[in-house]
N, C-alpha and C. Protein backbone atom coordinates (compact mmCIF):
# COMPACT_ATOMS: atom_id res chain seq x y z
N MET A 1 -21.04 -4.53 -33.46
CA MET A 1 -20.56 -5.42 -32.42
C MET A 1 -20.81 -4.85 -31.00
N ASN A 2 -21.59 -5.54 -30.18
CA ASN A 2 -21.83 -5.03 -28.86
C ASN A 2 -20.82 -5.56 -27.81
N MET A 3 -20.13 -4.67 -27.22
CA MET A 3 -19.10 -5.06 -26.23
C MET A 3 -19.74 -4.76 -24.72
N SER A 4 -19.50 -5.68 -23.84
CA SER A 4 -20.01 -5.37 -22.60
C SER A 4 -18.77 -4.70 -21.80
N ASN A 5 -19.21 -3.95 -20.75
CA ASN A 5 -18.20 -3.46 -19.91
C ASN A 5 -17.38 -4.50 -19.05
N LYS A 6 -16.15 -4.25 -18.90
CA LYS A 6 -15.35 -5.14 -18.14
C LYS A 6 -14.53 -4.41 -17.10
N LEU A 7 -14.21 -5.00 -15.90
CA LEU A 7 -13.49 -4.27 -14.88
C LEU A 7 -12.63 -5.39 -14.22
N GLY A 8 -11.35 -4.95 -14.03
CA GLY A 8 -10.43 -5.87 -13.21
C GLY A 8 -9.80 -4.97 -12.11
N LEU A 9 -9.50 -5.67 -11.08
CA LEU A 9 -8.94 -5.16 -10.03
C LEU A 9 -7.93 -5.99 -9.39
N TRP A 10 -6.66 -5.34 -9.20
CA TRP A 10 -5.48 -6.01 -8.56
C TRP A 10 -5.14 -5.06 -7.32
N ILE A 11 -5.13 -5.83 -6.06
CA ILE A 11 -4.83 -4.93 -4.91
C ILE A 11 -3.93 -5.60 -4.13
N ASP A 12 -2.83 -4.92 -3.48
CA ASP A 12 -2.06 -5.47 -2.40
C ASP A 12 -1.75 -4.38 -1.39
N HIS A 13 -0.81 -4.57 -0.42
CA HIS A 13 -0.72 -3.57 0.51
C HIS A 13 -0.03 -2.23 0.06
N LYS A 14 0.62 -2.32 -1.10
CA LYS A 14 1.31 -1.12 -1.79
C LYS A 14 0.43 -0.38 -2.65
N LYS A 15 -0.31 -0.99 -3.47
CA LYS A 15 -1.11 -0.20 -4.47
C LYS A 15 -2.25 -1.02 -4.95
N ALA A 16 -3.26 -0.43 -5.61
CA ALA A 16 -4.34 -1.00 -6.19
C ALA A 16 -4.32 -0.57 -7.72
N VAL A 17 -4.54 -1.40 -8.68
CA VAL A 17 -4.71 -1.11 -10.15
C VAL A 17 -6.05 -1.57 -10.47
N ILE A 18 -6.83 -0.44 -10.98
CA ILE A 18 -8.21 -0.74 -11.61
C ILE A 18 -8.23 -0.55 -13.00
N VAL A 19 -8.58 -1.62 -13.93
CA VAL A 19 -8.75 -1.50 -15.25
C VAL A 19 -10.05 -1.62 -15.59
N SER A 20 -10.56 -0.72 -16.51
CA SER A 20 -11.98 -0.84 -16.96
C SER A 20 -11.92 -0.77 -18.62
N ILE A 21 -12.68 -1.59 -19.17
CA ILE A 21 -12.70 -1.46 -20.65
C ILE A 21 -14.15 -1.40 -20.99
N THR A 22 -14.46 -0.38 -21.74
CA THR A 22 -15.76 -0.18 -22.22
C THR A 22 -15.73 0.12 -23.73
N GLU A 23 -16.86 0.40 -24.27
CA GLU A 23 -17.01 0.55 -25.69
C GLU A 23 -16.22 1.65 -26.25
N THR A 24 -15.84 2.80 -25.32
CA THR A 24 -15.22 4.01 -25.52
C THR A 24 -13.65 3.81 -25.36
N GLY A 25 -13.22 2.60 -24.79
CA GLY A 25 -11.76 2.47 -24.64
C GLY A 25 -11.40 1.71 -23.25
N GLU A 26 -10.25 1.95 -22.99
CA GLU A 26 -9.78 1.22 -21.71
C GLU A 26 -9.24 2.40 -20.76
N LYS A 27 -9.39 2.13 -19.48
CA LYS A 27 -8.64 3.05 -18.48
C LYS A 27 -7.99 2.26 -17.60
N ILE A 28 -6.83 2.90 -17.12
CA ILE A 28 -6.07 2.25 -15.96
C ILE A 28 -5.85 3.18 -14.97
N LYS A 29 -6.27 2.79 -13.72
CA LYS A 29 -5.98 3.78 -12.63
C LYS A 29 -5.17 3.09 -11.59
N GLU A 30 -4.12 3.78 -11.12
CA GLU A 30 -3.49 3.14 -10.08
C GLU A 30 -3.64 3.98 -8.66
N ILE A 31 -3.91 3.41 -7.66
CA ILE A 31 -4.02 4.00 -6.31
C ILE A 31 -2.90 3.50 -5.39
N LEU A 32 -2.11 4.39 -4.85
CA LEU A 32 -1.11 3.99 -3.97
C LEU A 32 -1.70 3.96 -2.51
N SER A 33 -1.26 3.05 -1.65
CA SER A 33 -1.85 2.89 -0.45
C SER A 33 -1.31 3.91 0.65
N GLU A 34 0.17 4.32 0.37
CA GLU A 34 0.65 5.22 1.33
C GLU A 34 0.86 4.62 2.73
N VAL A 35 0.61 3.37 2.85
CA VAL A 35 0.68 2.64 4.14
C VAL A 35 2.20 2.27 4.30
N GLU A 36 2.84 2.82 5.44
CA GLU A 36 4.25 2.55 5.77
C GLU A 36 4.37 1.23 6.31
N THR A 37 5.06 0.22 5.75
CA THR A 37 5.18 -1.08 6.41
C THR A 37 6.42 -1.04 7.35
N GLN A 38 7.52 -0.20 7.12
CA GLN A 38 8.66 -0.15 8.03
C GLN A 38 8.54 1.08 8.87
N PRO A 39 8.86 0.93 10.19
CA PRO A 39 8.90 2.15 10.99
C PRO A 39 10.08 3.15 10.56
N ARG A 40 9.76 4.37 10.75
CA ARG A 40 10.87 5.33 10.44
C ARG A 40 11.60 5.59 11.62
N ARG A 41 13.00 5.78 11.50
CA ARG A 41 13.86 6.24 12.63
C ARG A 41 13.64 7.69 12.83
N SER A 42 13.75 8.15 14.03
CA SER A 42 13.76 9.54 14.38
C SER A 42 15.14 9.98 14.30
N GLY A 43 15.25 11.25 13.85
CA GLY A 43 16.61 11.92 13.87
C GLY A 43 17.14 11.90 12.39
N GLY A 44 18.33 11.98 12.07
CA GLY A 44 19.11 12.22 10.83
C GLY A 44 19.31 10.88 10.16
N SER A 45 20.33 10.76 9.70
CA SER A 45 20.77 9.58 8.82
C SER A 45 20.83 8.37 9.64
N PRO A 46 20.80 7.05 9.06
CA PRO A 46 20.87 5.78 9.76
C PRO A 46 22.17 5.73 10.14
N MET A 47 22.24 5.00 11.42
CA MET A 47 23.58 4.61 11.88
C MET A 47 24.26 3.66 11.05
N LYS A 48 25.64 3.68 11.11
CA LYS A 48 26.46 2.75 10.15
C LYS A 48 26.92 1.55 10.96
N SER A 49 26.31 1.10 12.06
CA SER A 49 26.83 0.11 12.94
C SER A 49 26.27 -1.41 12.36
N ASP A 50 26.83 -2.44 12.89
CA ASP A 50 26.20 -3.88 12.61
C ASP A 50 24.96 -4.09 13.38
N TYR A 51 24.74 -3.15 14.40
CA TYR A 51 23.42 -3.44 15.26
C TYR A 51 22.31 -2.53 14.96
N GLU A 52 22.16 -2.08 13.64
CA GLU A 52 21.11 -1.25 13.15
C GLU A 52 19.61 -1.64 13.62
N ALA A 53 19.40 -3.07 13.64
CA ALA A 53 18.07 -3.49 14.00
C ALA A 53 17.68 -3.24 15.40
N ILE A 54 18.63 -3.02 16.23
CA ILE A 54 18.45 -2.61 17.65
C ILE A 54 17.75 -1.20 17.73
N GLN A 55 18.02 -0.38 16.86
CA GLN A 55 17.62 1.06 16.83
C GLN A 55 16.10 1.26 16.79
N VAL A 56 15.36 0.32 16.21
CA VAL A 56 13.93 0.33 16.17
C VAL A 56 13.38 -0.80 17.12
N PRO A 57 12.65 -0.36 18.16
CA PRO A 57 12.17 -1.38 18.99
C PRO A 57 11.03 -2.18 18.52
N ALA A 58 11.22 -3.43 18.82
CA ALA A 58 10.10 -4.30 18.48
C ALA A 58 8.99 -4.35 19.39
N ASP A 59 7.85 -3.98 19.03
CA ASP A 59 6.61 -3.98 19.88
C ASP A 59 5.41 -4.07 19.09
N ASP A 60 4.22 -4.16 19.72
CA ASP A 60 3.02 -4.32 18.94
C ASP A 60 2.37 -3.06 18.47
N ARG A 61 2.98 -2.00 18.96
CA ARG A 61 2.31 -0.58 18.37
C ARG A 61 2.43 -0.55 17.06
N HIS A 62 3.53 -0.88 16.39
CA HIS A 62 3.78 -0.55 15.08
C HIS A 62 2.89 -1.55 14.27
N GLN A 63 2.71 -2.77 14.64
CA GLN A 63 1.88 -3.80 13.97
C GLN A 63 0.37 -3.33 14.06
N LYS A 64 -0.01 -2.83 15.21
CA LYS A 64 -1.32 -2.40 15.36
C LYS A 64 -1.74 -1.39 14.37
N THR A 65 -0.66 -0.30 14.38
CA THR A 65 -0.82 0.86 13.40
C THR A 65 -0.93 0.50 12.00
N LEU A 66 -0.07 -0.47 11.73
CA LEU A 66 0.06 -1.00 10.38
C LEU A 66 -1.30 -1.68 9.89
N THR A 67 -1.82 -2.49 10.97
CA THR A 67 -2.99 -3.29 10.56
C THR A 67 -4.17 -2.27 10.45
N GLN A 68 -4.24 -1.21 11.29
CA GLN A 68 -5.25 -0.20 11.32
C GLN A 68 -5.22 0.62 9.92
N ASP A 69 -4.11 0.95 9.50
CA ASP A 69 -4.00 1.76 8.17
C ASP A 69 -4.27 0.82 7.01
N LEU A 70 -3.93 -0.43 7.08
CA LEU A 70 -4.17 -1.25 5.99
C LEU A 70 -5.87 -1.55 5.91
N ASN A 71 -6.43 -1.63 7.01
CA ASN A 71 -7.85 -1.93 7.12
C ASN A 71 -8.62 -0.58 6.47
N ILE A 72 -8.06 0.64 6.80
CA ILE A 72 -8.70 1.77 6.16
C ILE A 72 -8.59 1.76 4.73
N TYR A 73 -7.32 1.47 4.17
CA TYR A 73 -7.03 1.35 2.75
C TYR A 73 -7.90 0.16 2.09
N TYR A 74 -7.88 -0.99 2.56
CA TYR A 74 -8.86 -2.01 1.94
C TYR A 74 -10.36 -1.57 2.17
N ASP A 75 -10.72 -1.09 3.07
CA ASP A 75 -12.19 -0.62 3.21
C ASP A 75 -12.49 0.34 2.07
N TRP A 76 -11.57 1.07 1.59
CA TRP A 76 -11.92 1.92 0.48
C TRP A 76 -12.56 1.41 -0.84
N PHE A 77 -12.14 0.09 -0.90
CA PHE A 77 -12.51 -0.64 -2.25
C PHE A 77 -13.77 -1.43 -1.81
């Protein structure tokens, strides 16, 4: 029986899963993007107030950094 090689790829902003099936068996490889989608707070533990969203300023710098990081990650494939 002659089996052809098959390859499957699933990718999103968190990870990629590559599945290959060959005559010798199957392999599954998972690659984590390590792209941080939420900005980290500087300092110690998060505040326990109702206004926690105010602690992280909303600006385009975070979105630009996220977009650049994701582009690098997706270009790898």
